[in-house]
PDB file of N, CA and C in Angstrom:
ATOM      1  N   UNK A   1       0.834  -1.186   0.000  1.00  0.00           N
ATOM      2  CA  UNK A   1       0.000   0.000   0.000  1.00  0.00           C
ATOM      3  C   UNK A   1       0.874   1.243   0.000  1.00  0.00           C
ATOM      4  N   UNK A   2       0.436   2.211  -0.755  1.00  0.00           N
ATOM      5  CA  UNK A   2       1.173   3.472  -0.806  1.00  0.00           C
ATOM      6  C   UNK A   2       0.825   4.305   0.431  1.00  0.00           C
ATOM      7  N   UNK A   3       1.653   5.295   0.753  1.00  0.00           N
ATOM      8  CA  UNK A   3       1.354   6.158   1.905  1.00  0.00           C
ATOM      9  C   UNK A   3       0.000   6.861   1.772  1.00  0.00           C
ATOM     10  N   UNK A   4      -0.371   7.228   0.576  1.00  0.00           N
ATOM     11  CA  UNK A   4      -1.660   7.898   0.359  1.00  0.00           C
ATOM     12  C   UNK A   4      -2.803   6.936   0.648  1.00  0.00           C
ATOM     13  N   UNK A   5      -2.681   5.698   0.184  1.00  0.00           N
ATOM     14  CA  UNK A   5      -3.712   4.698   0.446  1.00  0.00           C
ATOM     15  C   UNK A   5      -3.823   4.399   1.940  1.00  0.00           C
ATOM     16  N   UNK A   6      -2.686   4.335   2.628  1.00  0.00           N
ATOM     17  CA  UNK A   6      -2.697   4.106   4.073  1.00  0.00           C
ATOM     18  C   UNK A   6      -3.394   5.249   4.803  1.00  0.00           C
ATOM     19  N   UNK A   7      -3.125   6.470   4.372  1.00  0.00           N
ATOM     20  CA  UNK A   7      -3.762   7.629   4.982  1.00  0.00           C
ATOM     21  C   UNK A   7      -5.277   7.603   4.758  1.00  0.00           C
ATOM     22  N   UNK A   8      -5.702   7.249   3.555  1.00  0.00           N
ATOM     23  CA  UNK A   8      -7.127   7.163   3.250  1.00  0.00           C
ATOM     24  C   UNK A   8      -7.794   6.072   4.090  1.00  0.00           C
ATOM     25  N   UNK A   9      -7.114   4.952   4.241  1.00  0.00           N
ATOM     26  CA  UNK A   9      -7.637   3.862   5.051  1.00  0.00           C
ATOM     27  C   UNK A   9      -7.756   4.287   6.518  1.00  0.00           C
ATOM     28  N   UNK A  10      -6.746   4.979   7.021  1.00  0.00           N
ATOM     29  CA  UNK A  10      -6.768   5.446   8.409  1.00  0.00           C
ATOM     30  C   UNK A  10      -7.924   6.414   8.637  1.00  0.00           C
ATOM     31  N   UNK A  11      -8.167   7.309   7.692  1.00  0.00           N
ATOM     32  CA  UNK A  11      -9.276   8.253   7.817  1.00  0.00           C
ATOM     33  C   UNK A  11     -10.619   7.526   7.774  1.00  0.00           C
ATOM     34  N   UNK A  12     -10.729   6.522   6.920  1.00  0.00           N
ATOM     35  CA  UNK A  12     -11.963   5.745   6.823  1.00  0.00           C
ATOM     36  C   UNK A  12     -12.233   5.010   8.139  1.00  0.00           C
ATOM     37  N   UNK A  13     -11.208   4.410   8.700  1.00  0.00           N
ATOM     38  CA  UNK A  13     -11.354   3.700   9.968  1.00  0.00           C
ATOM     39  C   UNK A  13     -11.736   4.672  11.080  1.00  0.00           C
ATOM     40  N   UNK A  14     -11.079   5.829  11.121  1.00  0.00           N
ATOM     41  CA  UNK A  14     -11.395   6.823  12.141  1.00  0.00           C
ATOM     42  C   UNK A  14     -12.840   7.297  12.016  1.00  0.00           C
ATOM     43  N   UNK A  15     -13.315   7.486  10.797  1.00  0.00           N
ATOM     44  CA  UNK A  15     -14.717   7.874  10.579  1.00  0.00           C
ATOM     45  C   UNK A  15     -15.668   6.802  11.093  1.00  0.00           C
ATOM     46  N   UNK A  16     -15.351   5.542  10.794  1.00  0.00           N
ATOM     47  CA  UNK A  16     -16.212   4.436  11.238  1.00  0.00           C
ATOM     48  C   UNK A  16     -16.237   4.335  12.759  1.00  0.00           C
ATOM     49  N   UNK A  17     -15.089   4.501  13.402  1.00  0.00           N
ATOM     50  CA  UNK A  17     -15.027   4.457  14.868  1.00  0.00           C
ATOM     51  C   UNK A  17     -15.840   5.606  15.444  1.00  0.00           C
ATOM     52  N   UNK A  18     -15.709   6.776  14.857  1.00  0.00           N
ATOM     53  CA  UNK A  18     -16.463   7.933  15.321  1.00  0.00           C
ATOM     54  C   UNK A  18     -17.962   7.697  15.189  1.00  0.00           C
ATOM     55  N   UNK A  19     -18.401   7.120  14.077  1.00  0.00           N
ATOM     56  CA  UNK A  19     -19.816   6.809  13.875  1.00  0.00           C
ATOM     57  C   UNK A  19     -20.311   5.815  14.927  1.00  0.00           C
ATOM     58  N   UNK A  20     -19.502   4.812  15.216  1.00  0.00           N
ATOM     59  CA  UNK A  20     -19.904   3.830  16.229  1.00  0.00           C
ATOM     60  C   UNK A  20     -19.985   4.451  17.607  1.00  0.00           C
ATOM     61  N   UNK A  21     -19.024   5.316  17.939  1.00  0.00           N
ATOM     62  CA  UNK A  21     -19.064   5.980  19.231  1.00  0.00           C
ATOM     63  C   UNK A  21     -20.302   6.859  19.335  1.00  0.00           C
ATOM     64  N   UNK A  22     -20.645   7.532  18.273  1.00  0.00           N
ATOM     65  CA  UNK A  22     -21.842   8.374  18.271  1.00  0.00           C
ATOM     66  C   UNK A  22     -23.096   7.510  18.387  1.00  0.00           C
ATOM     67  N   UNK A  23     -23.078   6.320  17.845  1.00  0.00           N
ATOM     68  CA  UNK A  23     -24.222   5.430  17.892  1.00  0.00           C
ATOM     69  C   UNK A  23     -24.428   4.768  19.238  1.00  0.00           C
ATOM     70  N   UNK A  24     -23.434   4.803  20.112  1.00  0.00           N
ATOM     71  CA  UNK A  24     -23.526   4.166  21.429  1.00  0.00           C
ATOM     72  C   UNK A  24     -24.074   5.115  22.476  1.00  0.00           C
ATOM     73  N   UNK A  25     -24.760   6.136  22.076  1.00  0.00           N
ATOM     74  CA  UNK A  25     -25.142   7.202  22.999  1.00  0.00           C
ATOM     75  C   UNK A  25     -26.362   6.878  23.845  1.00  0.00           C
ATOM     76  N   UNK A  26     -26.696   5.652  24.025  1.00  0.00           N
ATOM     77  CA  UNK A  26     -27.788   5.204  24.903  1.00  0.00           C
ATOM     78  C   UNK A  26     -29.041   6.060  24.801  1.00  0.00           C
ATOM     79  N   UNK A  27     -29.369   6.483  23.590  1.00  0.00           N
ATOM     80  CA  UNK A  27     -30.585   7.237  23.368  1.00  0.00           C
ATOM     81  C   UNK A  27     -30.516   8.698  23.755  1.00  0.00           C
ATOM     82  N   UNK A  28     -29.398   9.160  24.228  1.00  0.00           N
ATOM     83  CA  UNK A  28     -29.265  10.551  24.642  1.00  0.00           C
ATOM     84  C   UNK A  28     -28.447  11.327  23.630  1.00  0.00           C
ATOM     85  N   UNK A  29     -28.922  12.496  23.244  1.00  0.00           N
ATOM     86  CA  UNK A  29     -28.182  13.338  22.306  1.00  0.00           C
ATOM     87  C   UNK A  29     -27.002  14.021  22.972  1.00  0.00           C
ATOM     88  N   UNK A  30     -26.928  13.983  24.299  1.00  0.00           N
ATOM     89  CA  UNK A  30     -25.830  14.647  24.990  1.00  0.00           C
ATOM     90  C   UNK A  30     -24.504  13.933  24.802  1.00  0.00           C
ATOM     91  N   UNK A  31     -24.512  12.654  24.485  1.00  0.00           N
ATOM     92  CA  UNK A  31     -23.270  11.913  24.353  1.00  0.00           C
ATOM     93  C   UNK A  31     -22.852  11.687  22.904  1.00  0.00           C
ATOM     94  N   UNK A  32     -23.465  12.364  21.967  1.00  0.00           N
ATOM     95  CA  UNK A  32     -23.034  12.241  20.585  1.00  0.00           C
ATOM     96  C   UNK A  32     -21.747  13.039  20.406  1.00  0.00           C
ATOM     97  N   UNK A  33     -21.021  12.733  19.356  1.00  0.00           N
ATOM     98  CA  UNK A  33     -19.755  13.393  19.086  1.00  0.00           C
ATOM     99  C   UNK A  33     -19.891  14.332  17.904  1.00  0.00           C
ATOM    100  N   UNK A  34     -19.228  15.473  18.005  1.00  0.00           N
ATOM    101  CA  UNK A  34     -19.270  16.500  16.974  1.00  0.00           C
ATOM    102  C   UNK A  34     -17.865  16.769  16.467  1.00  0.00           C
ATOM    103  N   UNK A  35     -17.764  17.194  15.207  1.00  0.00           N
ATOM    104  CA  UNK A  35     -16.469  17.677  14.730  1.00  0.00           C
ATOM    105  C   UNK A  35     -16.348  19.146  15.134  1.00  0.00           C
ATOM    106  N   UNK A  36     -15.239  19.777  14.779  1.00  0.00           N
ATOM    107  CA  UNK A  36     -15.017  21.168  15.199  1.00  0.00           C
ATOM    108  C   UNK A  36     -16.044  22.110  14.587  1.00  0.00           C
ATOM    109  N   UNK A  37     -16.506  21.811  13.387  1.00  0.00           N
ATOM    110  CA  UNK A  37     -17.516  22.664  12.755  1.00  0.00           C
ATOM    111  C   UNK A  37     -18.856  22.558  13.483  1.00  0.00           C
ATOM    112  N   UNK A  38     -19.233  21.339  13.856  1.00  0.00           N
ATOM    113  CA  UNK A  38     -20.475  21.138  14.598  1.00  0.00           C
ATOM    114  C   UNK A  38     -20.421  21.785  15.968  1.00  0.00           C
ATOM    115  N   UNK A  39     -19.266  21.678  16.625  1.00  0.00           N
ATOM    116  CA  UNK A  39     -19.103  22.298  17.941  1.00  0.00           C
ATOM    117  C   UNK A  39     -19.189  23.817  17.832  1.00  0.00           C
ATOM    118  N   UNK A  40     -18.552  24.369  16.802  1.00  0.00           N
ATOM    119  CA  UNK A  40     -18.580  25.818  16.594  1.00  0.00           C
ATOM    120  C   UNK A  40     -20.004  26.289  16.310  1.00  0.00           C
ATOM    121  N   UNK A  41     -20.736  25.545  15.507  1.00  0.00           N
ATOM    122  CA  UNK A  41     -22.124  25.910  15.195  1.00  0.00           C
ATOM    123  C   UNK A  41     -22.996  25.864  16.447  1.00  0.00           C
ATOM    124  N   UNK A  42     -22.794  24.837  17.255  1.00  0.00           N
ATOM    125  CA  UNK A  42     -23.585  24.686  18.472  1.00  0.00           C
ATOM    126  C   UNK A  42     -23.334  25.839  19.449  1.00  0.00           C
ATOM    127  N   UNK A  43     -22.083  26.294  19.508  1.00  0.00           N
ATOM    128  CA  UNK A  43     -21.736  27.375  20.433  1.00  0.00           C
ATOM    129  C   UNK A  43     -21.915  28.757  19.822  1.00  0.00           C
ATOM    130  N   UNK A  44     -22.076  28.811  18.509  1.00  0.00           N
ATOM    131  CA  UNK A  44     -22.218  30.107  17.854  1.00  0.00           C
ATOM    132  C   UNK A  44     -20.909  30.867  17.793  1.00  0.00           C
ATOM    133  N   UNK A  45     -19.819  30.143  17.604  1.00  0.00           N
ATOM    134  CA  UNK A  45     -18.506  30.779  17.503  1.00  0.00           C
ATOM    135  C   UNK A  45     -17.794  30.211  16.275  1.00  0.00           C
ATOM    136  N   UNK A  46     -16.548  30.587  16.090  1.00  0.00           N
ATOM    137  CA  UNK A  46     -15.796  30.129  14.927  1.00  0.00           C
ATOM    138  C   UNK A  46     -15.003  28.854  15.245  1.00  0.00           C
ATOM    139  N   UNK A  47     -14.584  28.165  14.194  1.00  0.00           N
ATOM    140  CA  UNK A  47     -13.756  26.965  14.353  1.00  0.00           C
ATOM    141  C   UNK A  47     -12.428  27.308  15.035  1.00  0.00           C
ATOM    142  N   UNK A  48     -11.758  28.423  14.663  1.00  0.00           N
ATOM    143  CA  UNK A  48     -10.527  28.762  15.391  1.00  0.00           C
ATOM    144  C   UNK A  48     -10.737  28.967  16.892  1.00  0.00           C
ATOM    145  N   UNK A  49     -11.909  29.463  17.287  1.00  0.00           N
ATOM    146  CA  UNK A  49     -12.205  29.602  18.717  1.00  0.00           C
ATOM    147  C   UNK A  49     -12.284  28.231  19.376  1.00  0.00           C
ATOM    148  N   UNK A  50     -12.913  27.284  18.714  1.00  0.00           N
ATOM    149  CA  UNK A  50     -12.978  25.913  19.232  1.00  0.00           C
ATOM    150  C   UNK A  50     -11.566  25.351  19.376  1.00  0.00           C
ATOM    151  N   UNK A  51     -10.732  25.580  18.367  1.00  0.00           N
ATOM    152  CA  UNK A  51      -9.354  25.079  18.419  1.00  0.00           C
ATOM    153  C   UNK A  51      -8.568  25.727  19.553  1.00  0.00           C
ATOM    154  N   UNK A  52      -8.768  27.033  19.772  1.00  0.00           N
ATOM    155  CA  UNK A  52      -8.083  27.713  20.886  1.00  0.00           C
ATOM    156  C   UNK A  52      -8.534  27.160  22.236  1.00  0.00           C
ATOM    157  N   UNK A  53      -9.834  26.947  22.387  1.00  0.00           N
ATOM    158  CA  UNK A  53     -10.356  26.391  23.640  1.00  0.00           C
ATOM    159  C   UNK A  53      -9.799  24.995  23.896  1.00  0.00           C
ATOM    160  N   UNK A  54      -9.662  24.217  22.831  1.00  0.00           N
ATOM    161  CA  UNK A  54      -9.118  22.869  22.958  1.00  0.00           C
ATOM    162  C   UNK A  54      -7.652  22.919  23.364  1.00  0.00           C
ATOM    163  N   UNK A  55      -6.904  23.769  22.675  1.00  0.00           N
ATOM    164  CA  UNK A  55      -5.466  23.886  22.957  1.00  0.00           C
ATOM    165  C   UNK A  55      -5.216  24.403  24.376  1.00  0.00           C
ATOM    166  N   UNK A  56      -6.096  25.282  24.856  1.00  0.00           N
ATOM    167  CA  UNK A  56      -5.958  25.833  26.203  1.00  0.00           C
ATOM    168  C   UNK A  56      -6.427  24.857  27.283  1.00  0.00           C
ATOM    169  N   UNK A  57      -7.037  23.740  26.869  1.00  0.00           N
ATOM    170  CA  UNK A  57      -7.503  22.752  27.824  1.00  0.00           C
ATOM    171  C   UNK A  57      -8.863  23.071  28.428  1.00  0.00           C
ATOM    172  N   UNK A  58      -9.559  24.044  27.857  1.00  0.00           N
ATOM    173  CA  UNK A  58     -10.876  24.428  28.371  1.00  0.00           C
ATOM    174  C   UNK A  58     -11.999  23.604  27.771  1.00  0.00           C
ATOM    175  N   UNK A  59     -11.739  22.932  26.654  1.00  0.00           N
ATOM    176  CA  UNK A  59     -12.732  22.097  25.996  1.00  0.00           C
ATOM    177  C   UNK A  59     -12.091  20.742  25.710  1.00  0.00           C
ATOM    178  N   UNK A  60     -12.631  19.705  26.304  1.00  0.00           N
ATOM    179  CA  UNK A  60     -12.072  18.368  26.114  1.00  0.00           C
ATOM    180  C   UNK A  60     -12.468  17.823  24.751  1.00  0.00           C
ATOM    181  N   UNK A  61     -11.572  17.013  24.198  1.00  0.00           N
ATOM    182  CA  UNK A  61     -11.856  16.381  22.917  1.00  0.00           C
ATOM    183  C   UNK A  61     -11.309  14.963  22.919  1.00  0.00           C
ATOM    184  N   UNK A  62     -11.737  14.211  21.924  1.00  0.00           N
ATOM    185  CA  UNK A  62     -11.273  12.843  21.734  1.00  0.00           C
ATOM    186  C   UNK A  62     -10.564  12.804  20.395  1.00  0.00           C
ATOM    187  N   UNK A  63      -9.379  12.251  20.368  1.00  0.00           N
ATOM    188  CA  UNK A  63      -8.615  12.159  19.131  1.00  0.00           C
ATOM    189  C   UNK A  63      -8.794  10.754  18.550  1.00  0.00           C
ATOM    190  N   UNK A  64      -9.294  10.678  17.327  1.00  0.00           N
ATOM    191  CA  UNK A  64      -9.491   9.415  16.615  1.00  0.00           C
ATOM    192  C   UNK A  64      -8.627   9.457  15.364  1.00  0.00           C
ATOM    193  N   UNK A  65      -7.429   8.915  15.459  1.00  0.00           N
ATOM    194  CA  UNK A  65      -6.497   9.038  14.338  1.00  0.00           C
ATOM    195  C   UNK A  65      -6.118  10.498  14.182  1.00  0.00           C
ATOM    196  N   UNK A  66      -6.367  11.038  13.002  1.00  0.00           N
ATOM    197  CA  UNK A  66      -6.087  12.459  12.765  1.00  0.00           C
ATOM    198  C   UNK A  66      -7.287  13.336  13.079  1.00  0.00           C
ATOM    199  N   UNK A  67      -8.407  12.722  13.397  1.00  0.00           N
ATOM    200  CA  UNK A  67      -9.635  13.469  13.614  1.00  0.00           C
ATOM    201  C   UNK A  67      -9.818  13.802  15.094  1.00  0.00           C
ATOM    202  N   UNK A  68     -10.384  14.949  15.346  1.00  0.00           N
ATOM    203  CA  UNK A  68     -10.682  15.365  16.707  1.00  0.00           C
ATOM    204  C   UNK A  68     -12.197  15.503  16.818  1.00  0.00           C
ATOM    205  N   UNK A  69     -12.757  14.922  17.869  1.00  0.00           N
ATOM    206  CA  UNK A  69     -14.200  14.973  18.077  1.00  0.00           C
ATOM    207  C   UNK A  69     -14.488  15.507  19.481  1.00  0.00           C
ATOM    208  N   UNK A  70     -15.657  16.136  19.610  1.00  0.00           N
ATOM    209  CA  UNK A  70     -16.069  16.765  20.859  1.00  0.00           C
ATOM    210  C   UNK A  70     -17.382  16.156  21.321  1.00  0.00           C
ATOM    211  N   UNK A  71     -17.462  15.807  22.597  1.00  0.00           N
ATOM    212  CA  UNK A  71     -18.725  15.316  23.152  1.00  0.00           C
ATOM    213  C   UNK A  71     -19.703  16.483  23.201  1.00  0.00           C
ATOM    214  N   UNK A  72     -20.915  16.218  22.774  1.00  0.00           N
ATOM    215  CA  UNK A  72     -21.942  17.254  22.767  1.00  0.00           C
ATOM    216  C   UNK A  72     -22.150  17.821  24.179  1.00  0.00           C
ATOM    217  N   UNK A  73     -22.131  16.960  25.189  1.00  0.00           N
ATOM    218  CA  UNK A  73     -22.330  17.426  26.564  1.00  0.00           C
ATOM    219  C   UNK A  73     -21.198  18.359  27.005  1.00  0.00           C
ATOM    220  N   UNK A  74     -19.949  18.083  26.581  1.00  0.00           N
ATOM    221  CA  UNK A  74     -18.825  18.958  26.917  1.00  0.00           C
ATOM    222  C   UNK A  74     -18.969  20.309  26.237  1.00  0.00           C
ATOM    223  N   UNK A  75     -19.418  20.283  24.984  1.00  0.00           N
ATOM    224  CA  UNK A  75     -19.601  21.531  24.240  1.00  0.00           C
ATOM    225  C   UNK A  75     -20.710  22.361  24.883  1.00  0.00           C
ATOM    226  N   UNK A  76     -21.807  21.719  25.237  1.00  0.00           N
ATOM    227  CA  UNK A  76     -22.912  22.446  25.857  1.00  0.00           C
ATOM    228  C   UNK A  76     -22.525  23.045  27.207  1.00  0.00           C
ATOM    229  N   UNK A  77     -21.605  22.402  27.914  1.00  0.00           N
ATOM    230  CA  UNK A  77     -21.168  22.942  29.207  1.00  0.00           C
ATOM    231  C   UNK A  77     -20.342  24.217  29.037  1.00  0.00           C
ATOM    232  N   UNK A  78     -19.899  24.481  27.809  1.00  0.00           N
ATOM    233  CA  UNK A  78     -19.098  25.670  27.519  1.00  0.00           C
ATOM    234  C   UNK A  78     -19.950  26.878  27.147  1.00  0.00           C
ATOM    235  N   UNK A  79     -21.248  26.744  27.041  1.00  0.00           N
ATOM    236  CA  UNK A  79     -22.081  27.805  26.485  1.00  0.00           C
ATOM    237  C   UNK A  79     -21.958  29.124  27.241  1.00  0.00           C
ATOM    238  N   UNK A  80     -21.674  29.109  28.511  1.00  0.00           N
ATOM    239  CA  UNK A  80     -21.552  30.361  29.266  1.00  0.00           C
ATOM    240  C   UNK A  80     -20.147  30.925  29.227  1.00  0.00           C
ATOM    241  N   UNK A  81     -19.167  30.148  28.753  1.00  0.00           N
ATOM    242  CA  UNK A  81     -17.764  30.576  28.817  1.00  0.00           C
ATOM    243  C   UNK A  81     -17.171  30.970  27.474  1.00  0.00           C
ATOM    244  N   UNK A  82     -17.897  30.828  26.395  1.00  0.00           N
ATOM    245  CA  UNK A  82     -17.315  31.055  25.079  1.00  0.00           C
ATOM    246  C   UNK A  82     -17.334  32.529  24.722  1.00  0.00           C
ATOM    247  N   UNK A  83     -16.147  33.072  24.348  1.00  0.00           N
ATOM    248  CA  UNK A  83     -16.119  34.443  23.851  1.00  0.00           C
ATOM    249  C   UNK A  83     -16.709  34.485  22.447  1.00  0.00           C
ATOM    250  N   UNK A  84     -17.555  35.446  22.187  1.00  0.00           N
ATOM    251  CA  UNK A  84     -18.208  35.564  20.866  1.00  0.00           C
ATOM    252  C   UNK A  84     -17.365  36.347  19.895  1.00  0.00           C
TER     253      UNK A  84
END
């Protein structure tokens, strides 16, 4: 396999794992996982703001391969702390 094919396979696997994790949410929307765009939309801020909050340790995330995902409940807990 070429490096490009390996990278594509890794991204596909990470997507599938993320989908399964989102599907295990025991019927609650609070435990679903969002990407940075979904988290930014939910908070009404920009993607760079989400990235800054993550880097500062104020917003927890889960790393799946190269992908970063945010628990919906963690994002919602930030609603009072996000700079607009």
